[in-house]
Amino acid sequence: MKIRKAVAHRRRRAFVIETYSGSRYTFPFARAEPPPSVHDPVVEVHPDPELGREAVTYTLASGAEGSVHIDHVLEYNEDPGTIRELLVHKLSVAAKARLERSELSVRETCRRLGTSPAQLYRLIDPANARKSIDKLVELLAVLDCEVDIIIKPKAA
C-alpha cells in the first residue's frame, strides 16, 4: 500500500496518513521512534520515496529523523484487511506444518480436496495472501484438524 500524503497533526499529537486508495489513518506520536514532543516537534514529514512510498519519514526540530512504515499504521488502526491477512498467514503456517507431519501423500490430499498439487502448494505458502480462508479450513479438515475460531474482547 502506497502513501499519498502525510501530515503531522499537532493538536491530535498524531501523524495523519492518506493512501492512494483514499483511506486515512492516524498514528500517534507516542508510538513513533524517536517520539516527537512539545519540546522537540516535527518540522517536516513526507512519504519516503527511498522506502517505496510505503513509509513516512519525519524530521524533528533537534535534527533527529524517524520513519513509520504503513504496516505499523495498519496494525495500530486494526485494518480489517490486515487482520484477515494475519489470519490467513496463521492458518497457512499451521496447514504447512500439519501437511509435513501427515501420513497422507500429497496426491491423496489433493484428491480429497478436489484440487491440483500446484494449488495445494499455493495454499500452504505463507507468503501468498491471495487465498480463501474456507479452502484453508477444508485443507486442515482433510489433515484431521479441528478449527475453532474464538471471539473474545480485547485485553485493555
N, C-alpha and C. Protein backbone atom coordinates (compact mmCIF):
# COMPACT_ATOMS: atom_id res chain seq x y z
N MET A 1 0.85 -1.17 0.00
CA MET A 1 0.00 0.00 0.00
C MET A 1 0.90 1.23 0.00
N LYS A 2 0.64 2.12 -0.91
CA LYS A 2 1.46 3.33 -1.07
C LYS A 2 0.82 4.53 -0.37
N ILE A 3 1.68 5.39 0.16
CA ILE A 3 1.23 6.58 0.88
C ILE A 3 1.21 7.77 -0.07
N ARG A 4 0.10 8.47 -0.11
CA ARG A 4 -0.03 9.65 -0.96
C ARG A 4 0.44 10.89 -0.21
N LYS A 5 0.00 11.04 1.03
CA LYS A 5 0.23 12.28 1.76
C LYS A 5 0.35 11.98 3.25
N ALA A 6 1.18 12.75 3.94
CA ALA A 6 1.33 12.61 5.39
C ALA A 6 1.43 14.00 6.01
N VAL A 7 0.76 14.16 7.15
CA VAL A 7 0.75 15.44 7.85
C VAL A 7 0.94 15.16 9.33
N ALA A 8 1.70 16.04 10.00
CA ALA A 8 1.83 15.95 11.46
C ALA A 8 0.77 16.85 12.07
N HIS A 9 -0.19 16.25 12.75
CA HIS A 9 -1.30 17.00 13.36
C HIS A 9 -0.94 17.23 14.83
N ARG A 10 -0.54 18.45 15.14
CA ARG A 10 -0.02 18.74 16.48
C ARG A 10 -1.10 18.64 17.56
N ARG A 11 -2.31 19.08 17.26
CA ARG A 11 -3.36 19.04 18.28
C ARG A 11 -3.73 17.60 18.64
N ARG A 12 -3.82 16.75 17.64
CA ARG A 12 -4.11 15.33 17.89
C ARG A 12 -2.89 14.57 18.40
N ARG A 13 -1.71 15.19 18.25
CA ARG A 13 -0.44 14.54 18.57
C ARG A 13 -0.30 13.22 17.81
N ALA A 14 -0.55 13.33 16.49
CA ALA A 14 -0.52 12.14 15.64
C ALA A 14 -0.18 12.52 14.20
N PHE A 15 0.33 11.53 13.49
CA PHE A 15 0.51 11.67 12.05
C PHE A 15 -0.81 11.28 11.39
N VAL A 16 -1.22 12.02 10.38
CA VAL A 16 -2.39 11.67 9.59
C VAL A 16 -1.85 11.23 8.23
N ILE A 17 -2.12 9.98 7.87
CA ILE A 17 -1.56 9.38 6.67
C ILE A 17 -2.68 9.03 5.71
N GLU A 18 -2.54 9.47 4.46
CA GLU A 18 -3.53 9.19 3.43
C GLU A 18 -2.88 8.31 2.36
N THR A 19 -3.58 7.24 1.98
CA THR A 19 -3.07 6.33 0.96
C THR A 19 -3.68 6.66 -0.39
N TYR A 20 -3.13 6.04 -1.43
CA TYR A 20 -3.66 6.27 -2.78
C TYR A 20 -5.07 5.70 -2.95
N SER A 21 -5.46 4.75 -2.10
CA SER A 21 -6.82 4.22 -2.19
C SER A 21 -7.83 5.16 -1.55
N GLY A 22 -7.35 6.26 -0.93
CA GLY A 22 -8.24 7.24 -0.33
C GLY A 22 -8.47 7.03 1.15
N SER A 23 -7.90 5.99 1.72
CA SER A 23 -8.06 5.73 3.16
C SER A 23 -7.18 6.68 3.96
N ARG A 24 -7.71 7.08 5.13
CA ARG A 24 -6.95 7.94 6.05
C ARG A 24 -6.77 7.22 7.37
N TYR A 25 -5.56 7.28 7.88
CA TYR A 25 -5.22 6.64 9.14
C TYR A 25 -4.46 7.62 10.01
N THR A 26 -4.59 7.46 11.31
CA THR A 26 -3.79 8.25 12.25
C THR A 26 -2.82 7.31 12.96
N PHE A 27 -1.68 7.87 13.32
CA PHE A 27 -0.66 7.12 14.07
C PHE A 27 -0.10 8.06 15.12
N PRO A 28 -0.27 7.73 16.42
CA PRO A 28 0.13 8.66 17.49
C PRO A 28 1.64 8.89 17.55
N PHE A 29 2.02 10.10 17.91
CA PHE A 29 3.42 10.44 18.06
C PHE A 29 4.10 9.52 19.08
N ALA A 30 3.38 9.13 20.12
CA ALA A 30 3.96 8.31 21.20
C ALA A 30 4.45 6.96 20.70
N ARG A 31 3.87 6.45 19.60
CA ARG A 31 4.29 5.15 19.05
C ARG A 31 5.48 5.27 18.10
N ALA A 32 5.81 6.50 17.69
CA ALA A 32 6.91 6.71 16.75
C ALA A 32 8.25 6.67 17.49
N GLU A 33 9.29 6.34 16.76
CA GLU A 33 10.63 6.27 17.34
C GLU A 33 11.59 7.06 16.47
N PRO A 34 12.16 8.15 16.88
CA PRO A 34 12.02 8.84 18.16
C PRO A 34 10.69 9.59 18.23
N PRO A 35 10.11 9.65 19.42
CA PRO A 35 8.79 10.30 19.53
C PRO A 35 8.90 11.83 19.52
N PRO A 36 8.09 12.49 18.72
CA PRO A 36 8.03 13.95 18.78
C PRO A 36 7.42 14.40 20.12
N SER A 37 7.80 15.58 20.56
CA SER A 37 7.25 16.10 21.80
C SER A 37 7.03 17.60 21.64
N VAL A 38 6.53 18.23 22.69
CA VAL A 38 6.30 19.67 22.68
C VAL A 38 7.64 20.39 22.54
N HIS A 39 8.67 19.86 23.19
CA HIS A 39 9.99 20.49 23.17
C HIS A 39 10.79 20.12 21.92
N ASP A 40 10.39 19.06 21.23
CA ASP A 40 11.08 18.60 20.02
C ASP A 40 10.03 18.23 18.97
N PRO A 41 9.38 19.26 18.38
CA PRO A 41 8.26 18.99 17.47
C PRO A 41 8.73 18.53 16.08
N VAL A 42 7.76 18.04 15.33
CA VAL A 42 8.01 17.64 13.94
C VAL A 42 8.10 18.91 13.10
N VAL A 43 9.19 19.01 12.30
CA VAL A 43 9.33 20.16 11.41
C VAL A 43 9.07 19.78 9.96
N GLU A 44 9.21 18.49 9.63
CA GLU A 44 8.95 18.04 8.27
C GLU A 44 8.50 16.58 8.30
N VAL A 45 7.51 16.27 7.45
CA VAL A 45 7.04 14.89 7.31
C VAL A 45 6.66 14.68 5.84
N HIS A 46 7.04 13.52 5.30
CA HIS A 46 6.74 13.24 3.89
C HIS A 46 6.80 11.74 3.62
N PRO A 47 6.05 11.27 2.62
CA PRO A 47 6.19 9.87 2.20
C PRO A 47 7.60 9.69 1.62
N ASP A 48 8.28 8.65 2.05
CA ASP A 48 9.68 8.46 1.67
C ASP A 48 9.81 7.68 0.37
N PRO A 49 10.30 8.30 -0.71
CA PRO A 49 10.46 7.58 -1.98
C PRO A 49 11.52 6.48 -1.90
N GLU A 50 12.52 6.64 -1.00
CA GLU A 50 13.55 5.61 -0.84
C GLU A 50 12.98 4.33 -0.23
N LEU A 51 11.88 4.44 0.47
CA LEU A 51 11.21 3.28 1.06
C LEU A 51 9.98 2.89 0.25
N GLY A 52 9.96 3.29 -1.02
CA GLY A 52 8.88 2.91 -1.92
C GLY A 52 7.55 3.56 -1.61
N ARG A 53 7.58 4.71 -0.94
CA ARG A 53 6.36 5.41 -0.51
C ARG A 53 5.48 4.51 0.38
N GLU A 54 6.10 3.53 1.02
CA GLU A 54 5.38 2.67 1.95
C GLU A 54 5.68 3.06 3.40
N ALA A 55 6.39 4.16 3.57
CA ALA A 55 6.72 4.66 4.91
C ALA A 55 6.74 6.18 4.88
N VAL A 56 6.57 6.75 6.06
CA VAL A 56 6.63 8.19 6.25
C VAL A 56 7.91 8.49 7.01
N THR A 57 8.69 9.44 6.52
CA THR A 57 9.89 9.87 7.23
C THR A 57 9.64 11.27 7.76
N TYR A 58 10.03 11.49 9.02
CA TYR A 58 9.81 12.79 9.64
C TYR A 58 11.11 13.28 10.27
N THR A 59 11.22 14.59 10.39
CA THR A 59 12.39 15.22 10.99
C THR A 59 11.91 16.06 12.17
N LEU A 60 12.61 15.93 13.28
CA LEU A 60 12.28 16.71 14.48
C LEU A 60 13.11 17.98 14.50
N ALA A 61 12.73 18.92 15.34
CA ALA A 61 13.45 20.20 15.46
C ALA A 61 14.90 19.98 15.88
N SER A 62 15.17 18.93 16.63
CA SER A 62 16.54 18.63 17.07
C SER A 62 17.41 18.05 15.96
N GLY A 63 16.78 17.72 14.83
CA GLY A 63 17.52 17.14 13.72
C GLY A 63 17.40 15.62 13.64
N ALA A 64 16.80 15.02 14.67
CA ALA A 64 16.61 13.56 14.67
C ALA A 64 15.58 13.18 13.62
N GLU A 65 15.80 12.03 12.99
CA GLU A 65 14.87 11.54 11.96
C GLU A 65 14.30 10.20 12.39
N GLY A 66 13.09 9.94 11.92
CA GLY A 66 12.45 8.66 12.17
C GLY A 66 11.54 8.30 11.02
N SER A 67 11.18 7.03 10.95
CA SER A 67 10.27 6.56 9.91
C SER A 67 9.19 5.70 10.53
N VAL A 68 8.02 5.76 9.90
CA VAL A 68 6.89 4.93 10.31
C VAL A 68 6.41 4.20 9.07
N HIS A 69 6.45 2.87 9.10
CA HIS A 69 6.04 2.06 7.96
C HIS A 69 4.52 1.90 7.96
N ILE A 70 3.94 1.78 6.78
CA ILE A 70 2.48 1.65 6.64
C ILE A 70 1.96 0.42 7.37
N ASP A 71 2.77 -0.65 7.45
CA ASP A 71 2.33 -1.85 8.17
C ASP A 71 2.09 -1.56 9.64
N HIS A 72 2.93 -0.72 10.25
CA HIS A 72 2.73 -0.35 11.66
C HIS A 72 1.45 0.48 11.82
N VAL A 73 1.20 1.35 10.85
CA VAL A 73 -0.01 2.18 10.88
C VAL A 73 -1.25 1.30 10.76
N LEU A 74 -1.23 0.35 9.82
CA LEU A 74 -2.39 -0.53 9.62
C LEU A 74 -2.61 -1.42 10.84
N GLU A 75 -1.53 -1.90 11.42
CA GLU A 75 -1.65 -2.74 12.62
C GLU A 75 -2.23 -1.94 13.78
N TYR A 76 -1.75 -0.71 13.97
CA TYR A 76 -2.26 0.14 15.04
C TYR A 76 -3.75 0.43 14.85
N ASN A 77 -4.16 0.69 13.62
CA ASN A 77 -5.55 1.02 13.32
C ASN A 77 -6.43 -0.20 13.14
N GLU A 78 -5.86 -1.38 13.27
CA GLU A 78 -6.59 -2.65 13.14
C GLU A 78 -7.39 -2.69 11.85
N ASP A 79 -6.71 -2.46 10.75
CA ASP A 79 -7.32 -2.51 9.44
C ASP A 79 -7.86 -3.91 9.18
N PRO A 80 -9.13 -4.05 8.77
CA PRO A 80 -9.71 -5.38 8.55
C PRO A 80 -8.93 -6.23 7.54
N GLY A 81 -8.39 -5.60 6.51
CA GLY A 81 -7.60 -6.35 5.53
C GLY A 81 -6.34 -6.93 6.14
N THR A 82 -5.71 -6.15 7.02
CA THR A 82 -4.50 -6.63 7.69
C THR A 82 -4.82 -7.77 8.64
N ILE A 83 -5.93 -7.66 9.37
CA ILE A 83 -6.33 -8.72 10.29
C ILE A 83 -6.61 -10.00 9.52
N ARG A 84 -7.26 -9.89 8.36
CA ARG A 84 -7.54 -11.05 7.51
C ARG A 84 -6.24 -11.69 7.03
N GLU A 85 -5.28 -10.85 6.59
CA GLU A 85 -4.00 -11.38 6.12
C GLU A 85 -3.26 -12.13 7.24
N LEU A 86 -3.32 -11.60 8.46
CA LEU A 86 -2.67 -12.28 9.59
C LEU A 86 -3.34 -13.63 9.87
N LEU A 87 -4.67 -13.68 9.79
CA LEU A 87 -5.38 -14.93 10.00
C LEU A 87 -5.04 -15.95 8.91
N VAL A 88 -5.00 -15.50 7.67
CA VAL A 88 -4.65 -16.39 6.56
C VAL A 88 -3.22 -16.91 6.74
N HIS A 89 -2.32 -16.03 7.17
CA HIS A 89 -0.93 -16.44 7.39
C HIS A 89 -0.83 -17.51 8.49
N LYS A 90 -1.52 -17.30 9.60
CA LYS A 90 -1.50 -18.28 10.70
C LYS A 90 -2.06 -19.62 10.24
N LEU A 91 -3.17 -19.60 9.51
CA LEU A 91 -3.75 -20.85 9.02
C LEU A 91 -2.82 -21.54 8.02
N SER A 92 -2.13 -20.78 7.19
CA SER A 92 -1.20 -21.34 6.21
C SER A 92 -0.03 -22.02 6.90
N VAL A 93 0.52 -21.37 7.91
CA VAL A 93 1.65 -21.95 8.65
C VAL A 93 1.21 -23.24 9.34
N ALA A 94 0.02 -23.22 9.93
CA ALA A 94 -0.49 -24.42 10.60
C ALA A 94 -0.73 -25.54 9.60
N ALA A 95 -1.29 -25.22 8.45
CA ALA A 95 -1.56 -26.24 7.43
C ALA A 95 -0.26 -26.83 6.89
N LYS A 96 0.73 -25.99 6.68
CA LYS A 96 2.03 -26.48 6.18
C LYS A 96 2.66 -27.44 7.18
N ALA A 97 2.63 -27.07 8.45
CA ALA A 97 3.21 -27.93 9.49
C ALA A 97 2.46 -29.26 9.57
N ARG A 98 1.13 -29.20 9.50
CA ARG A 98 0.32 -30.44 9.56
C ARG A 98 0.55 -31.32 8.34
N LEU A 99 0.71 -30.72 7.17
CA LEU A 99 0.93 -31.49 5.95
C LEU A 99 2.27 -32.21 6.01
N GLU A 100 3.30 -31.54 6.57
CA GLU A 100 4.61 -32.17 6.70
C GLU A 100 4.57 -33.35 7.67
N ARG A 101 3.73 -33.28 8.70
CA ARG A 101 3.63 -34.37 9.68
C ARG A 101 2.60 -35.43 9.30
N SER A 102 1.80 -35.13 8.31
CA SER A 102 0.71 -36.04 7.94
C SER A 102 1.24 -37.29 7.25
N GLU A 103 0.52 -38.38 7.45
CA GLU A 103 0.86 -39.62 6.77
C GLU A 103 0.23 -39.69 5.38
N LEU A 104 -0.66 -38.75 5.07
CA LEU A 104 -1.28 -38.69 3.74
C LEU A 104 -0.27 -38.18 2.72
N SER A 105 -0.30 -38.77 1.53
CA SER A 105 0.56 -38.27 0.46
C SER A 105 -0.04 -36.98 -0.10
N VAL A 106 0.79 -36.24 -0.81
CA VAL A 106 0.32 -35.00 -1.43
C VAL A 106 -0.77 -35.32 -2.44
N ARG A 107 -0.58 -36.39 -3.18
CA ARG A 107 -1.58 -36.78 -4.19
C ARG A 107 -2.93 -37.11 -3.53
N GLU A 108 -2.91 -37.84 -2.43
CA GLU A 108 -4.15 -38.19 -1.74
C GLU A 108 -4.81 -36.95 -1.13
N THR A 109 -3.99 -36.05 -0.59
CA THR A 109 -4.51 -34.80 -0.03
C THR A 109 -5.20 -33.98 -1.13
N CYS A 110 -4.56 -33.90 -2.29
CA CYS A 110 -5.15 -33.16 -3.42
C CYS A 110 -6.45 -33.81 -3.88
N ARG A 111 -6.47 -35.14 -3.93
CA ARG A 111 -7.68 -35.84 -4.36
C ARG A 111 -8.83 -35.55 -3.40
N ARG A 112 -8.56 -35.59 -2.09
CA ARG A 112 -9.62 -35.35 -1.11
C ARG A 112 -10.08 -33.89 -1.11
N LEU A 113 -9.18 -32.98 -1.46
CA LEU A 113 -9.54 -31.57 -1.54
C LEU A 113 -10.21 -31.23 -2.86
N GLY A 114 -9.97 -32.05 -3.87
CA GLY A 114 -10.50 -31.77 -5.20
C GLY A 114 -9.73 -30.66 -5.88
N THR A 115 -8.41 -30.67 -5.71
CA THR A 115 -7.58 -29.61 -6.26
C THR A 115 -6.29 -30.20 -6.84
N SER A 116 -5.48 -29.36 -7.44
CA SER A 116 -4.22 -29.80 -8.03
C SER A 116 -3.08 -29.62 -7.03
N PRO A 117 -1.95 -30.31 -7.27
CA PRO A 117 -0.79 -30.10 -6.39
C PRO A 117 -0.30 -28.65 -6.39
N ALA A 118 -0.36 -27.99 -7.55
CA ALA A 118 0.07 -26.59 -7.61
C ALA A 118 -0.78 -25.72 -6.69
N GLN A 119 -2.10 -25.97 -6.70
CA GLN A 119 -3.00 -25.20 -5.83
C GLN A 119 -2.74 -25.52 -4.36
N LEU A 120 -2.43 -26.78 -4.07
CA LEU A 120 -2.12 -27.16 -2.69
C LEU A 120 -0.88 -26.41 -2.21
N TYR A 121 0.15 -26.35 -3.04
CA TYR A 121 1.37 -25.64 -2.63
C TYR A 121 1.13 -24.14 -2.49
N ARG A 122 0.23 -23.58 -3.29
CA ARG A 122 -0.13 -22.16 -3.10
C ARG A 122 -0.88 -21.98 -1.78
N LEU A 123 -1.70 -22.95 -1.43
CA LEU A 123 -2.45 -22.87 -0.17
C LEU A 123 -1.53 -22.87 1.05
N ILE A 124 -0.49 -23.69 1.02
CA ILE A 124 0.38 -23.79 2.21
C ILE A 124 1.52 -22.78 2.19
N ASP A 125 1.60 -21.95 1.16
CA ASP A 125 2.65 -20.92 1.08
C ASP A 125 2.25 -19.74 1.96
N PRO A 126 2.96 -19.50 3.07
CA PRO A 126 2.59 -18.39 3.96
C PRO A 126 2.73 -17.01 3.31
N ALA A 127 3.56 -16.89 2.30
CA ALA A 127 3.75 -15.59 1.64
C ALA A 127 2.59 -15.24 0.72
N ASN A 128 1.81 -16.22 0.31
CA ASN A 128 0.69 -15.99 -0.58
C ASN A 128 -0.54 -15.58 0.23
N ALA A 129 -0.93 -14.33 0.12
CA ALA A 129 -2.08 -13.83 0.90
C ALA A 129 -3.37 -13.88 0.09
N ARG A 130 -3.29 -14.25 -1.19
CA ARG A 130 -4.47 -14.26 -2.05
C ARG A 130 -5.09 -15.65 -2.10
N LYS A 131 -5.63 -16.07 -1.00
CA LYS A 131 -6.32 -17.36 -0.94
C LYS A 131 -7.47 -17.23 0.02
N SER A 132 -8.40 -18.15 -0.08
CA SER A 132 -9.59 -18.05 0.76
C SER A 132 -9.39 -18.81 2.07
N ILE A 133 -10.00 -18.26 3.09
CA ILE A 133 -9.92 -18.90 4.40
C ILE A 133 -10.67 -20.23 4.38
N ASP A 134 -11.76 -20.31 3.62
CA ASP A 134 -12.54 -21.55 3.61
C ASP A 134 -11.75 -22.70 3.00
N LYS A 135 -10.91 -22.45 1.99
CA LYS A 135 -10.09 -23.52 1.40
C LYS A 135 -9.04 -23.99 2.42
N LEU A 136 -8.50 -23.05 3.21
CA LEU A 136 -7.53 -23.43 4.24
C LEU A 136 -8.19 -24.28 5.32
N VAL A 137 -9.42 -23.93 5.68
CA VAL A 137 -10.15 -24.71 6.68
C VAL A 137 -10.44 -26.11 6.13
N GLU A 138 -10.81 -26.20 4.84
CA GLU A 138 -11.03 -27.51 4.21
C GLU A 138 -9.75 -28.35 4.24
N LEU A 139 -8.61 -27.72 3.93
CA LEU A 139 -7.33 -28.44 3.95
C LEU A 139 -7.03 -28.95 5.35
N LEU A 140 -7.23 -28.11 6.35
CA LEU A 140 -6.97 -28.54 7.73
C LEU A 140 -7.91 -29.68 8.14
N ALA A 141 -9.15 -29.66 7.65
CA ALA A 141 -10.08 -30.76 7.94
C ALA A 141 -9.61 -32.05 7.30
N VAL A 142 -9.09 -31.97 6.06
CA VAL A 142 -8.55 -33.15 5.39
C VAL A 142 -7.36 -33.70 6.17
N LEU A 143 -6.60 -32.82 6.81
CA LEU A 143 -5.42 -33.23 7.57
C LEU A 143 -5.77 -33.59 9.02
N ASP A 144 -7.05 -33.89 9.28
CA ASP A 144 -7.54 -34.30 10.60
C ASP A 144 -7.32 -33.26 11.69
N CYS A 145 -7.62 -32.03 11.36
CA CYS A 145 -7.54 -30.94 12.33
C CYS A 145 -8.93 -30.38 12.56
N GLU A 146 -9.15 -29.92 13.76
CA GLU A 146 -10.39 -29.24 14.08
C GLU A 146 -10.07 -27.76 14.22
N VAL A 147 -10.77 -26.92 13.51
CA VAL A 147 -10.51 -25.48 13.53
C VAL A 147 -11.64 -24.80 14.30
N ASP A 148 -11.27 -24.12 15.38
CA ASP A 148 -12.22 -23.34 16.18
C ASP A 148 -11.79 -21.89 16.14
N ILE A 149 -12.73 -21.01 15.94
CA ILE A 149 -12.44 -19.59 15.99
C ILE A 149 -13.04 -19.05 17.28
N ILE A 150 -12.20 -18.45 18.08
CA ILE A 150 -12.62 -17.93 19.37
C ILE A 150 -12.68 -16.41 19.26
N ILE A 151 -13.83 -15.87 19.58
CA ILE A 151 -14.02 -14.43 19.54
C ILE A 151 -14.11 -13.96 20.99
N LYS A 152 -13.22 -13.05 21.36
CA LYS A 152 -13.20 -12.56 22.73
C LYS A 152 -12.88 -11.08 22.74
N PRO A 153 -13.27 -10.39 23.79
CA PRO A 153 -12.95 -8.96 23.86
C PRO A 153 -11.45 -8.77 24.04
N LYS A 154 -10.98 -7.64 23.53
CA LYS A 154 -9.55 -7.34 23.65
C LYS A 154 -9.19 -7.03 25.09
N ALA A 155 -7.96 -7.38 25.42
CA ALA A 155 -7.45 -7.02 26.74
C ALA A 155 -7.13 -5.52 26.75
N ALA A 156 -7.40 -4.88 27.85
CA ALA A 156 -7.18 -3.41 27.93
C ALA A 156 -5.74 -3.06 27.95
